[in-house]
């Protein structure tokens, strides 16, 4: 599913939108070592960890987008680093549980239409 479809369906606020990637997976987690160990490539990552190290984790795992839940504050430093590394950033007022439910329906539905 294209990232633009996820943005629209989940009503995400665009912070950095640099590429309309094909998203195949999602992962939710706030512990970076867990994300490194378990997230798949071509994913969106749902988290509240809005700091520069999140970009490094996304790069390591080839995560295409990070979605910050609960309207967490996002620093200019984080935005600048995301732009520099071409990582899409979004935010939502939804909590992680709510957003993951929406994402699961979208991604599982699109994966089973083959």
PDB file of N, CA and C in Angstrom:
ATOM      1  N   UNK A   1       0.851  -1.162   0.000  1.00  0.00           N
ATOM      2  CA  UNK A   1       0.000   0.000   0.000  1.00  0.00           C
ATOM      3  C   UNK A   1       0.907   1.237   0.000  1.00  0.00           C
ATOM      4  N   UNK A   2       0.522   2.204  -0.791  1.00  0.00           N
ATOM      5  CA  UNK A   2       1.298   3.444  -0.859  1.00  0.00           C
ATOM      6  C   UNK A   2       1.154   4.235   0.441  1.00  0.00           C
ATOM      7  N   UNK A   3       2.246   4.879   0.832  1.00  0.00           N
ATOM      8  CA  UNK A   3       2.253   5.688   2.042  1.00  0.00           C
ATOM      9  C   UNK A   3       1.189   6.781   1.988  1.00  0.00           C
ATOM     10  N   UNK A   4       0.967   7.351   0.820  1.00  0.00           N
ATOM     11  CA  UNK A   4      -0.052   8.402   0.683  1.00  0.00           C
ATOM     12  C   UNK A   4      -1.443   7.894   1.049  1.00  0.00           C
ATOM     13  N   UNK A   5      -1.730   6.629   0.758  1.00  0.00           N
ATOM     14  CA  UNK A   5      -3.019   6.042   1.128  1.00  0.00           C
ATOM     15  C   UNK A   5      -3.140   5.912   2.644  1.00  0.00           C
ATOM     16  N   UNK A   6      -2.049   5.521   3.285  1.00  0.00           N
ATOM     17  CA  UNK A   6      -2.039   5.398   4.746  1.00  0.00           C
ATOM     18  C   UNK A   6      -2.247   6.767   5.379  1.00  0.00           C
ATOM     19  N   UNK A   7      -1.574   7.778   4.855  1.00  0.00           N
ATOM     20  CA  UNK A   7      -1.714   9.138   5.384  1.00  0.00           C
ATOM     21  C   UNK A   7      -3.175   9.565   5.332  1.00  0.00           C
ATOM     22  N   UNK A   8      -3.799   9.333   4.204  1.00  0.00           N
ATOM     23  CA  UNK A   8      -5.190   9.742   4.023  1.00  0.00           C
ATOM     24  C   UNK A   8      -6.132   8.944   4.924  1.00  0.00           C
ATOM     25  N   UNK A   9      -6.010   7.634   4.919  1.00  0.00           N
ATOM     26  CA  UNK A   9      -6.920   6.770   5.676  1.00  0.00           C
ATOM     27  C   UNK A   9      -6.790   6.977   7.187  1.00  0.00           C
ATOM     28  N   UNK A  10      -5.578   7.223   7.651  1.00  0.00           N
ATOM     29  CA  UNK A  10      -5.332   7.385   9.089  1.00  0.00           C
ATOM     30  C   UNK A  10      -5.356   8.848   9.528  1.00  0.00           C
ATOM     31  N   UNK A  11      -5.562   9.747   8.567  1.00  0.00           N
ATOM     32  CA  UNK A  11      -5.624  11.186   8.851  1.00  0.00           C
ATOM     33  C   UNK A  11      -4.373  11.663   9.599  1.00  0.00           C
ATOM     34  N   UNK A  12      -3.219  11.326   9.043  1.00  0.00           N
ATOM     35  CA  UNK A  12      -1.950  11.680   9.658  1.00  0.00           C
ATOM     36  C   UNK A  12      -1.547  13.107   9.300  1.00  0.00           C
ATOM     37  N   UNK A  13      -0.902  13.757  10.236  1.00  0.00           N
ATOM     38  CA  UNK A  13      -0.344  15.093  10.002  1.00  0.00           C
ATOM     39  C   UNK A  13       1.060  14.910   9.423  1.00  0.00           C
ATOM     40  N   UNK A  14       1.313  15.523   8.276  1.00  0.00           N
ATOM     41  CA  UNK A  14       2.626  15.414   7.641  1.00  0.00           C
ATOM     42  C   UNK A  14       3.612  16.351   8.333  1.00  0.00           C
ATOM     43  N   UNK A  15       4.722  15.774   8.765  1.00  0.00           N
ATOM     44  CA  UNK A  15       5.828  16.552   9.330  1.00  0.00           C
ATOM     45  C   UNK A  15       6.930  16.637   8.278  1.00  0.00           C
ATOM     46  N   UNK A  16       7.322  15.489   7.751  1.00  0.00           N
ATOM     47  CA  UNK A  16       8.263  15.388   6.627  1.00  0.00           C
ATOM     48  C   UNK A  16       7.687  14.341   5.687  1.00  0.00           C
ATOM     49  N   UNK A  17       7.394  14.743   4.456  1.00  0.00           N
ATOM     50  CA  UNK A  17       6.902  13.790   3.452  1.00  0.00           C
ATOM     51  C   UNK A  17       7.822  13.912   2.251  1.00  0.00           C
ATOM     52  N   UNK A  18       8.727  12.934   2.123  1.00  0.00           N
ATOM     53  CA  UNK A  18       9.740  13.018   1.078  1.00  0.00           C
ATOM     54  C   UNK A  18       9.582  11.951  -0.007  1.00  0.00           C
ATOM     55  N   UNK A  19       8.793  10.905   0.261  1.00  0.00           N
ATOM     56  CA  UNK A  19       8.634   9.863  -0.755  1.00  0.00           C
ATOM     57  C   UNK A  19       7.375   9.042  -0.481  1.00  0.00           C
ATOM     58  N   UNK A  20       6.671   8.721  -1.544  1.00  0.00           N
ATOM     59  CA  UNK A  20       5.434   7.949  -1.442  1.00  0.00           C
ATOM     60  C   UNK A  20       5.752   6.463  -1.602  1.00  0.00           C
ATOM     61  N   UNK A  21       6.430   5.922  -0.607  1.00  0.00           N
ATOM     62  CA  UNK A  21       6.927   4.552  -0.660  1.00  0.00           C
ATOM     63  C   UNK A  21       5.806   3.522  -0.573  1.00  0.00           C
ATOM     64  N   UNK A  22       6.124   2.335  -1.035  1.00  0.00           N
ATOM     65  CA  UNK A  22       5.246   1.186  -0.869  1.00  0.00           C
ATOM     66  C   UNK A  22       5.506   0.624   0.533  1.00  0.00           C
ATOM     67  N   UNK A  23       4.450   0.537   1.322  1.00  0.00           N
ATOM     68  CA  UNK A  23       4.564   0.051   2.698  1.00  0.00           C
ATOM     69  C   UNK A  23       4.000  -1.361   2.760  1.00  0.00           C
ATOM     70  N   UNK A  24       4.808  -2.268   3.288  1.00  0.00           N
ATOM     71  CA  UNK A  24       4.411  -3.670   3.348  1.00  0.00           C
ATOM     72  C   UNK A  24       4.141  -4.153   4.768  1.00  0.00           C
ATOM     73  N   UNK A  25       4.682  -3.453   5.748  1.00  0.00           N
ATOM     74  CA  UNK A  25       4.603  -3.897   7.128  1.00  0.00           C
ATOM     75  C   UNK A  25       4.464  -2.709   8.067  1.00  0.00           C
ATOM     76  N   UNK A  26       4.175  -3.025   9.300  1.00  0.00           N
ATOM     77  CA  UNK A  26       4.155  -2.019  10.344  1.00  0.00           C
ATOM     78  C   UNK A  26       4.757  -2.596  11.603  1.00  0.00           C
ATOM     79  N   UNK A  27       5.255  -1.713  12.459  1.00  0.00           N
ATOM     80  CA  UNK A  27       5.786  -2.150  13.748  1.00  0.00           C
ATOM     81  C   UNK A  27       5.499  -1.074  14.774  1.00  0.00           C
ATOM     82  N   UNK A  28       5.122  -1.505  15.967  1.00  0.00           N
ATOM     83  CA  UNK A  28       4.845  -0.589  17.057  1.00  0.00           C
ATOM     84  C   UNK A  28       5.778  -0.919  18.206  1.00  0.00           C
ATOM     85  N   UNK A  29       6.518   0.079  18.652  1.00  0.00           N
ATOM     86  CA  UNK A  29       7.405  -0.142  19.788  1.00  0.00           C
ATOM     87  C   UNK A  29       8.140   1.124  20.152  1.00  0.00           C
ATOM     88  N   UNK A  30       8.398   1.258  21.445  1.00  0.00           N
ATOM     89  CA  UNK A  30       9.110   2.430  21.944  1.00  0.00           C
ATOM     90  C   UNK A  30      10.519   2.104  22.428  1.00  0.00           C
ATOM     91  N   UNK A  31      10.846   0.836  22.461  1.00  0.00           N
ATOM     92  CA  UNK A  31      12.187   0.410  22.849  1.00  0.00           C
ATOM     93  C   UNK A  31      12.993   0.177  21.571  1.00  0.00           C
ATOM     94  N   UNK A  32      13.984   1.010  21.354  1.00  0.00           N
ATOM     95  CA  UNK A  32      14.699   0.989  20.072  1.00  0.00           C
ATOM     96  C   UNK A  32      15.374  -0.337  19.787  1.00  0.00           C
ATOM     97  N   UNK A  33      15.921  -0.989  20.797  1.00  0.00           N
ATOM     98  CA  UNK A  33      16.559  -2.291  20.564  1.00  0.00           C
ATOM     99  C   UNK A  33      15.541  -3.330  20.097  1.00  0.00           C
ATOM    100  N   UNK A  34      14.309  -3.229  20.574  1.00  0.00           N
ATOM    101  CA  UNK A  34      13.247  -4.127  20.137  1.00  0.00           C
ATOM    102  C   UNK A  34      12.901  -3.878  18.665  1.00  0.00           C
ATOM    103  N   UNK A  35      12.837  -2.618  18.291  1.00  0.00           N
ATOM    104  CA  UNK A  35      12.547  -2.267  16.893  1.00  0.00           C
ATOM    105  C   UNK A  35      13.662  -2.783  15.986  1.00  0.00           C
ATOM    106  N   UNK A  36      14.897  -2.602  16.409  1.00  0.00           N
ATOM    107  CA  UNK A  36      16.036  -3.099  15.617  1.00  0.00           C
ATOM    108  C   UNK A  36      15.965  -4.618  15.477  1.00  0.00           C
ATOM    109  N   UNK A  37      15.573  -5.289  16.534  1.00  0.00           N
ATOM    110  CA  UNK A  37      15.529  -6.765  16.513  1.00  0.00           C
ATOM    111  C   UNK A  37      14.360  -7.318  15.705  1.00  0.00           C
ATOM    112  N   UNK A  38      13.230  -6.582  15.644  1.00  0.00           N
ATOM    113  CA  UNK A  38      12.026  -7.210  15.107  1.00  0.00           C
ATOM    114  C   UNK A  38      11.331  -6.514  13.938  1.00  0.00           C
ATOM    115  N   UNK A  39      11.557  -5.251  13.717  1.00  0.00           N
ATOM    116  CA  UNK A  39      10.860  -4.555  12.625  1.00  0.00           C
ATOM    117  C   UNK A  39      11.375  -5.056  11.281  1.00  0.00           C
ATOM    118  N   UNK A  40      10.468  -5.073  10.313  1.00  0.00           N
ATOM    119  CA  UNK A  40      10.830  -5.503   8.957  1.00  0.00           C
ATOM    120  C   UNK A  40      11.094  -4.269   8.085  1.00  0.00           C
ATOM    121  N   UNK A  41      11.787  -4.489   6.990  1.00  0.00           N
ATOM    122  CA  UNK A  41      12.012  -3.402   6.040  1.00  0.00           C
ATOM    123  C   UNK A  41      10.685  -3.001   5.388  1.00  0.00           C
ATOM    124  N   UNK A  42      10.690  -1.838   4.785  1.00  0.00           N
ATOM    125  CA  UNK A  42       9.509  -1.303   4.100  1.00  0.00           C
ATOM    126  C   UNK A  42       8.316  -1.175   5.039  1.00  0.00           C
ATOM    127  N   UNK A  43       8.598  -0.783   6.275  1.00  0.00           N
ATOM    128  CA  UNK A  43       7.572  -0.654   7.308  1.00  0.00           C
ATOM    129  C   UNK A  43       7.288   0.796   7.644  1.00  0.00           C
ATOM    130  N   UNK A  44       6.176   0.983   8.337  1.00  0.00           N
ATOM    131  CA  UNK A  44       5.946   2.200   9.102  1.00  0.00           C
ATOM    132  C   UNK A  44       6.161   1.811  10.560  1.00  0.00           C
ATOM    133  N   UNK A  45       6.733   2.718  11.314  1.00  0.00           N
ATOM    134  CA  UNK A  45       7.032   2.481  12.723  1.00  0.00           C
ATOM    135  C   UNK A  45       6.176   3.426  13.550  1.00  0.00           C
ATOM    136  N   UNK A  46       5.428   2.877  14.463  1.00  0.00           N
ATOM    137  CA  UNK A  46       4.557   3.643  15.346  1.00  0.00           C
ATOM    138  C   UNK A  46       5.233   3.737  16.712  1.00  0.00           C
ATOM    139  N   UNK A  47       5.414   4.966  17.207  1.00  0.00           N
ATOM    140  CA  UNK A  47       6.152   5.163  18.452  1.00  0.00           C
ATOM    141  C   UNK A  47       5.841   6.523  19.066  1.00  0.00           C
ATOM    142  N   UNK A  48       6.289   6.697  20.301  1.00  0.00           N
ATOM    143  CA  UNK A  48       6.272   8.020  20.937  1.00  0.00           C
ATOM    144  C   UNK A  48       7.700   8.529  21.124  1.00  0.00           C
ATOM    145  N   UNK A  49       8.679   7.771  20.676  1.00  0.00           N
ATOM    146  CA  UNK A  49      10.084   8.133  20.842  1.00  0.00           C
ATOM    147  C   UNK A  49      10.522   9.157  19.793  1.00  0.00           C
ATOM    148  N   UNK A  50      10.214  10.394  20.053  1.00  0.00           N
ATOM    149  CA  UNK A  50      10.493  11.465  19.090  1.00  0.00           C
ATOM    150  C   UNK A  50      11.842  12.121  19.389  1.00  0.00           C
ATOM    151  N   UNK A  51      12.905  11.423  19.064  1.00  0.00           N
ATOM    152  CA  UNK A  51      14.235  12.027  19.155  1.00  0.00           C
ATOM    153  C   UNK A  51      15.130  11.517  18.039  1.00  0.00           C
ATOM    154  N   UNK A  52      16.256  12.142  17.886  1.00  0.00           N
ATOM    155  CA  UNK A  52      17.136  11.913  16.735  1.00  0.00           C
ATOM    156  C   UNK A  52      17.534  10.449  16.552  1.00  0.00           C
ATOM    157  N   UNK A  53      17.660   9.707  17.625  1.00  0.00           N
ATOM    158  CA  UNK A  53      18.044   8.298  17.504  1.00  0.00           C
ATOM    159  C   UNK A  53      16.998   7.484  16.751  1.00  0.00           C
ATOM    160  N   UNK A  54      15.768   7.959  16.716  1.00  0.00           N
ATOM    161  CA  UNK A  54      14.723   7.265  15.960  1.00  0.00           C
ATOM    162  C   UNK A  54      15.078   7.211  14.474  1.00  0.00           C
ATOM    163  N   UNK A  55      15.689   8.255  13.978  1.00  0.00           N
ATOM    164  CA  UNK A  55      16.099   8.287  12.566  1.00  0.00           C
ATOM    165  C   UNK A  55      17.166   7.231  12.301  1.00  0.00           C
ATOM    166  N   UNK A  56      18.110   7.085  13.219  1.00  0.00           N
ATOM    167  CA  UNK A  56      19.161   6.075  13.061  1.00  0.00           C
ATOM    168  C   UNK A  56      18.563   4.673  13.015  1.00  0.00           C
ATOM    169  N   UNK A  57      17.605   4.408  13.874  1.00  0.00           N
ATOM    170  CA  UNK A  57      16.948   3.095  13.882  1.00  0.00           C
ATOM    171  C   UNK A  57      16.216   2.871  12.558  1.00  0.00           C
ATOM    172  N   UNK A  58      15.505   3.878  12.091  1.00  0.00           N
ATOM    173  CA  UNK A  58      14.799   3.760  10.809  1.00  0.00           C
ATOM    174  C   UNK A  58      15.773   3.457   9.668  1.00  0.00           C
ATOM    175  N   UNK A  59      16.916   4.090   9.671  1.00  0.00           N
ATOM    176  CA  UNK A  59      17.916   3.838   8.630  1.00  0.00           C
ATOM    177  C   UNK A  59      18.463   2.417   8.707  1.00  0.00           C
ATOM    178  N   UNK A  60      18.763   1.961   9.911  1.00  0.00           N
ATOM    179  CA  UNK A  60      19.299   0.610  10.095  1.00  0.00           C
ATOM    180  C   UNK A  60      18.327  -0.435   9.566  1.00  0.00           C
ATOM    181  N   UNK A  61      17.045  -0.251   9.836  1.00  0.00           N
ATOM    182  CA  UNK A  61      16.025  -1.242   9.475  1.00  0.00           C
ATOM    183  C   UNK A  61      15.321  -0.955   8.147  1.00  0.00           C
ATOM    184  N   UNK A  62      15.716   0.091   7.450  1.00  0.00           N
ATOM    185  CA  UNK A  62      15.082   0.499   6.193  1.00  0.00           C
ATOM    186  C   UNK A  62      13.584   0.715   6.373  1.00  0.00           C
ATOM    187  N   UNK A  63      13.258   1.346   7.503  1.00  0.00           N
ATOM    188  CA  UNK A  63      11.882   1.749   7.791  1.00  0.00           C
ATOM    189  C   UNK A  63      11.608   3.006   6.985  1.00  0.00           C
ATOM    190  N   UNK A  64      10.484   3.047   6.296  1.00  0.00           N
ATOM    191  CA  UNK A  64      10.180   4.138   5.370  1.00  0.00           C
ATOM    192  C   UNK A  64       9.535   5.354   6.022  1.00  0.00           C
ATOM    193  N   UNK A  65       8.869   5.125   7.176  1.00  0.00           N
ATOM    194  CA  UNK A  65       8.161   6.229   7.816  1.00  0.00           C
ATOM    195  C   UNK A  65       8.027   5.965   9.306  1.00  0.00           C
ATOM    196  N   UNK A  66       8.055   7.043  10.069  1.00  0.00           N
ATOM    197  CA  UNK A  66       7.812   6.983  11.504  1.00  0.00           C
ATOM    198  C   UNK A  66       6.555   7.793  11.788  1.00  0.00           C
ATOM    199  N   UNK A  67       5.651   7.196  12.555  1.00  0.00           N
ATOM    200  CA  UNK A  67       4.429   7.882  12.961  1.00  0.00           C
ATOM    201  C   UNK A  67       4.475   8.050  14.473  1.00  0.00           C
ATOM    202  N   UNK A  68       4.451   9.288  14.913  1.00  0.00           N
ATOM    203  CA  UNK A  68       4.467   9.596  16.338  1.00  0.00           C
ATOM    204  C   UNK A  68       3.034   9.766  16.825  1.00  0.00           C
ATOM    205  N   UNK A  69       2.682   9.034  17.859  1.00  0.00           N
ATOM    206  CA  UNK A  69       1.320   9.051  18.386  1.00  0.00           C
ATOM    207  C   UNK A  69       1.209  10.009  19.579  1.00  0.00           C
ATOM    208  N   UNK A  70      -0.017  10.196  20.048  1.00  0.00           N
ATOM    209  CA  UNK A  70      -0.311  11.014  21.228  1.00  0.00           C
ATOM    210  C   UNK A  70       0.125  12.472  21.075  1.00  0.00           C
ATOM    211  N   UNK A  71       0.223  12.956  19.842  1.00  0.00           N
ATOM    212  CA  UNK A  71       0.645  14.340  19.589  1.00  0.00           C
ATOM    213  C   UNK A  71       1.935  14.707  20.315  1.00  0.00           C
ATOM    214  N   UNK A  72       2.894  13.783  20.354  1.00  0.00           N
ATOM    215  CA  UNK A  72       4.157  14.091  21.035  1.00  0.00           C
ATOM    216  C   UNK A  72       4.853  15.256  20.340  1.00  0.00           C
ATOM    217  N   UNK A  73       5.601  16.014  21.100  1.00  0.00           N
ATOM    218  CA  UNK A  73       6.354  17.151  20.554  1.00  0.00           C
ATOM    219  C   UNK A  73       7.502  16.629  19.698  1.00  0.00           C
ATOM    220  N   UNK A  74       7.669  17.248  18.540  1.00  0.00           N
ATOM    221  CA  UNK A  74       8.725  16.847  17.605  1.00  0.00           C
ATOM    222  C   UNK A  74       9.661  18.035  17.426  1.00  0.00           C
ATOM    223  N   UNK A  75      10.921  17.838  17.753  1.00  0.00           N
ATOM    224  CA  UNK A  75      11.900  18.925  17.714  1.00  0.00           C
ATOM    225  C   UNK A  75      12.324  19.257  16.281  1.00  0.00           C
ATOM    226  N   UNK A  76      12.794  20.457  16.097  1.00  0.00           N
ATOM    227  CA  UNK A  76      13.319  20.864  14.800  1.00  0.00           C
ATOM    228  C   UNK A  76      14.541  20.034  14.434  1.00  0.00           C
ATOM    229  N   UNK A  77      15.329  19.657  15.428  1.00  0.00           N
ATOM    230  CA  UNK A  77      16.506  18.813  15.188  1.00  0.00           C
ATOM    231  C   UNK A  77      16.090  17.479  14.559  1.00  0.00           C
ATOM    232  N   UNK A  78      15.029  16.886  15.070  1.00  0.00           N
ATOM    233  CA  UNK A  78      14.515  15.629  14.527  1.00  0.00           C
ATOM    234  C   UNK A  78      14.002  15.826  13.100  1.00  0.00           C
ATOM    235  N   UNK A  79      13.271  16.893  12.871  1.00  0.00           N
ATOM    236  CA  UNK A  79      12.753  17.191  11.535  1.00  0.00           C
ATOM    237  C   UNK A  79      13.895  17.373  10.542  1.00  0.00           C
ATOM    238  N   UNK A  80      14.904  18.135  10.937  1.00  0.00           N
ATOM    239  CA  UNK A  80      16.057  18.375  10.060  1.00  0.00           C
ATOM    240  C   UNK A  80      16.785  17.074   9.721  1.00  0.00           C
ATOM    241  N   UNK A  81      16.956  16.210  10.715  1.00  0.00           N
ATOM    242  CA  UNK A  81      17.645  14.930  10.482  1.00  0.00           C
ATOM    243  C   UNK A  81      16.818  14.028   9.565  1.00  0.00           C
ATOM    244  N   UNK A  82      15.504  14.025   9.748  1.00  0.00           N
ATOM    245  CA  UNK A  82      14.638  13.224   8.877  1.00  0.00           C
ATOM    246  C   UNK A  82      14.729  13.698   7.429  1.00  0.00           C
ATOM    247  N   UNK A  83      14.735  15.018   7.231  1.00  0.00           N
ATOM    248  CA  UNK A  83      14.882  15.562   5.877  1.00  0.00           C
ATOM    249  C   UNK A  83      16.217  15.171   5.273  1.00  0.00           C
ATOM    250  N   UNK A  84      17.257  15.268   6.070  1.00  0.00           N
ATOM    251  CA  UNK A  84      18.609  14.933   5.611  1.00  0.00           C
ATOM    252  C   UNK A  84      18.706  13.472   5.176  1.00  0.00           C
ATOM    253  N   UNK A  85      18.030  12.588   5.897  1.00  0.00           N
ATOM    254  CA  UNK A  85      18.116  11.145   5.634  1.00  0.00           C
ATOM    255  C   UNK A  85      16.940  10.593   4.828  1.00  0.00           C
ATOM    256  N   UNK A  86      16.037  11.472   4.382  1.00  0.00           N
ATOM    257  CA  UNK A  86      14.860  11.059   3.597  1.00  0.00           C
ATOM    258  C   UNK A  86      13.992  10.030   4.329  1.00  0.00           C
ATOM    259  N   UNK A  87      13.674  10.345   5.575  1.00  0.00           N
ATOM    260  CA  UNK A  87      12.761   9.522   6.368  1.00  0.00           C
ATOM    261  C   UNK A  87      11.464  10.308   6.552  1.00  0.00           C
ATOM    262  N   UNK A  88      10.355   9.706   6.177  1.00  0.00           N
ATOM    263  CA  UNK A  88       9.043  10.340   6.324  1.00  0.00           C
ATOM    264  C   UNK A  88       8.645  10.374   7.798  1.00  0.00           C
ATOM    265  N   UNK A  89       8.116  11.510   8.246  1.00  0.00           N
ATOM    266  CA  UNK A  89       7.644  11.653   9.624  1.00  0.00           C
ATOM    267  C   UNK A  89       6.201  12.146   9.625  1.00  0.00           C
ATOM    268  N   UNK A  90       5.410  11.553  10.515  1.00  0.00           N
ATOM    269  CA  UNK A  90       4.011  11.945  10.663  1.00  0.00           C
ATOM    270  C   UNK A  90       3.650  11.947  12.131  1.00  0.00           C
ATOM    271  N   UNK A  91       2.545  12.610  12.440  1.00  0.00           N
ATOM    272  CA  UNK A  91       2.037  12.564  13.809  1.00  0.00           C
ATOM    273  C   UNK A  91       0.534  12.390  13.782  1.00  0.00           C
ATOM    274  N   UNK A  92       0.014  11.971  14.926  1.00  0.00           N
ATOM    275  CA  UNK A  92      -1.420  11.782  15.095  1.00  0.00           C
ATOM    276  C   UNK A  92      -1.772  12.013  16.553  1.00  0.00           C
ATOM    277  N   UNK A  93      -3.013  12.407  16.767  1.00  0.00           N
ATOM    278  CA  UNK A  93      -3.491  12.537  18.138  1.00  0.00           C
ATOM    279  C   UNK A  93      -3.914  11.180  18.701  1.00  0.00           C
ATOM    280  N   UNK A  94      -4.088  10.197  17.842  1.00  0.00           N
ATOM    281  CA  UNK A  94      -4.446   8.849  18.304  1.00  0.00           C
ATOM    282  C   UNK A  94      -3.336   8.267  19.159  1.00  0.00           C
ATOM    283  N   UNK A  95      -3.710   7.355  20.058  1.00  0.00           N
ATOM    284  CA  UNK A  95      -2.669   6.634  20.783  1.00  0.00           C
ATOM    285  C   UNK A  95      -2.189   5.472  19.915  1.00  0.00           C
ATOM    286  N   UNK A  96      -1.150   4.801  20.351  1.00  0.00           N
ATOM    287  CA  UNK A  96      -0.542   3.742  19.537  1.00  0.00           C
ATOM    288  C   UNK A  96      -1.506   2.596  19.277  1.00  0.00           C
ATOM    289  N   UNK A  97      -2.299   2.224  20.266  1.00  0.00           N
ATOM    290  CA  UNK A  97      -3.272   1.147  20.106  1.00  0.00           C
ATOM    291  C   UNK A  97      -4.280   1.477  19.004  1.00  0.00           C
ATOM    292  N   UNK A  98      -4.822   2.689  19.055  1.00  0.00           N
ATOM    293  CA  UNK A  98      -5.815   3.098  18.060  1.00  0.00           C
ATOM    294  C   UNK A  98      -5.212   3.108  16.660  1.00  0.00           C
ATOM    295  N   UNK A  99      -4.042   3.699  16.524  1.00  0.00           N
ATOM    296  CA  UNK A  99      -3.416   3.797  15.211  1.00  0.00           C
ATOM    297  C   UNK A  99      -3.030   2.423  14.669  1.00  0.00           C
ATOM    298  N   UNK A 100      -2.511   1.570  15.521  1.00  0.00           N
ATOM    299  CA  UNK A 100      -2.115   0.237  15.058  1.00  0.00           C
ATOM    300  C   UNK A 100      -3.314  -0.569  14.581  1.00  0.00           C
ATOM    301  N   UNK A 101      -4.460  -0.379  15.212  1.00  0.00           N
ATOM    302  CA  UNK A 101      -5.665  -1.050  14.737  1.00  0.00           C
ATOM    303  C   UNK A 101      -6.011  -0.627  13.321  1.00  0.00           C
ATOM    304  N   UNK A 102      -5.945   0.666  13.063  1.00  0.00           N
ATOM    305  CA  UNK A 102      -6.210   1.177  11.714  1.00  0.00           C
ATOM    306  C   UNK A 102      -5.191   0.642  10.711  1.00  0.00           C
ATOM    307  N   UNK A 103      -3.918   0.710  11.071  1.00  0.00           N
ATOM    308  CA  UNK A 103      -2.859   0.253  10.167  1.00  0.00           C
ATOM    309  C   UNK A 103      -2.981  -1.237   9.869  1.00  0.00           C
ATOM    310  N   UNK A 104      -3.290  -2.016  10.874  1.00  0.00           N
ATOM    311  CA  UNK A 104      -3.417  -3.457  10.683  1.00  0.00           C
ATOM    312  C   UNK A 104      -4.512  -3.769   9.660  1.00  0.00           C
ATOM    313  N   UNK A 105      -5.651  -3.133   9.808  1.00  0.00           N
ATOM    314  CA  UNK A 105      -6.745  -3.352   8.859  1.00  0.00           C
ATOM    315  C   UNK A 105      -6.327  -2.967   7.438  1.00  0.00           C
ATOM    316  N   UNK A 106      -5.660  -1.826   7.311  1.00  0.00           N
ATOM    317  CA  UNK A 106      -5.241  -1.364   5.990  1.00  0.00           C
ATOM    318  C   UNK A 106      -4.207  -2.292   5.363  1.00  0.00           C
ATOM    319  N   UNK A 107      -3.168  -2.623   6.106  1.00  0.00           N
ATOM    320  CA  UNK A 107      -2.069  -3.393   5.546  1.00  0.00           C
ATOM    321  C   UNK A 107      -2.435  -4.858   5.357  1.00  0.00           C
ATOM    322  N   UNK A 108      -3.139  -5.439   6.273  1.00  0.00           N
ATOM    323  CA  UNK A 108      -3.545  -6.827   6.106  1.00  0.00           C
ATOM    324  C   UNK A 108      -4.548  -6.953   4.969  1.00  0.00           C
ATOM    325  N   UNK A 109      -5.438  -6.002   4.843  1.00  0.00           N
ATOM    326  CA  UNK A 109      -6.405  -6.013   3.736  1.00  0.00           C
ATOM    327  C   UNK A 109      -5.722  -5.923   2.392  1.00  0.00           C
ATOM    328  N   UNK A 110      -4.715  -5.058   2.278  1.00  0.00           N
ATOM    329  CA  UNK A 110      -4.016  -4.892   1.006  1.00  0.00           C
ATOM    330  C   UNK A 110      -3.101  -6.074   0.717  1.00  0.00           C
ATOM    331  N   UNK A 111      -2.578  -6.728   1.748  1.00  0.00           N
ATOM    332  CA  UNK A 111      -1.700  -7.882   1.539  1.00  0.00           C
ATOM    333  C   UNK A 111      -2.464  -9.123   1.107  1.00  0.00           C
ATOM    334  N   UNK A 112      -3.747  -9.196   1.419  1.00  0.00           N
ATOM    335  CA  UNK A 112      -4.518 -10.394   1.095  1.00  0.00           C
ATOM    336  C   UNK A 112      -5.335 -10.235  -0.195  1.00  0.00           C
ATOM    337  N   UNK A 113      -5.140  -9.172  -0.930  1.00  0.00           N
ATOM    338  CA  UNK A 113      -5.873  -8.968  -2.172  1.00  0.00           C
ATOM    339  C   UNK A 113      -5.138  -9.532  -3.378  1.00  0.00           C
ATOM    340  N   UNK A 114      -4.005 -10.164  -3.175  1.00  0.00           N
ATOM    341  CA  UNK A 114      -3.204 -10.683  -4.292  1.00  0.00           C
ATOM    342  C   UNK A 114      -3.887 -11.815  -5.003  1.00  0.00           C
TER     343      UNK A 114
END
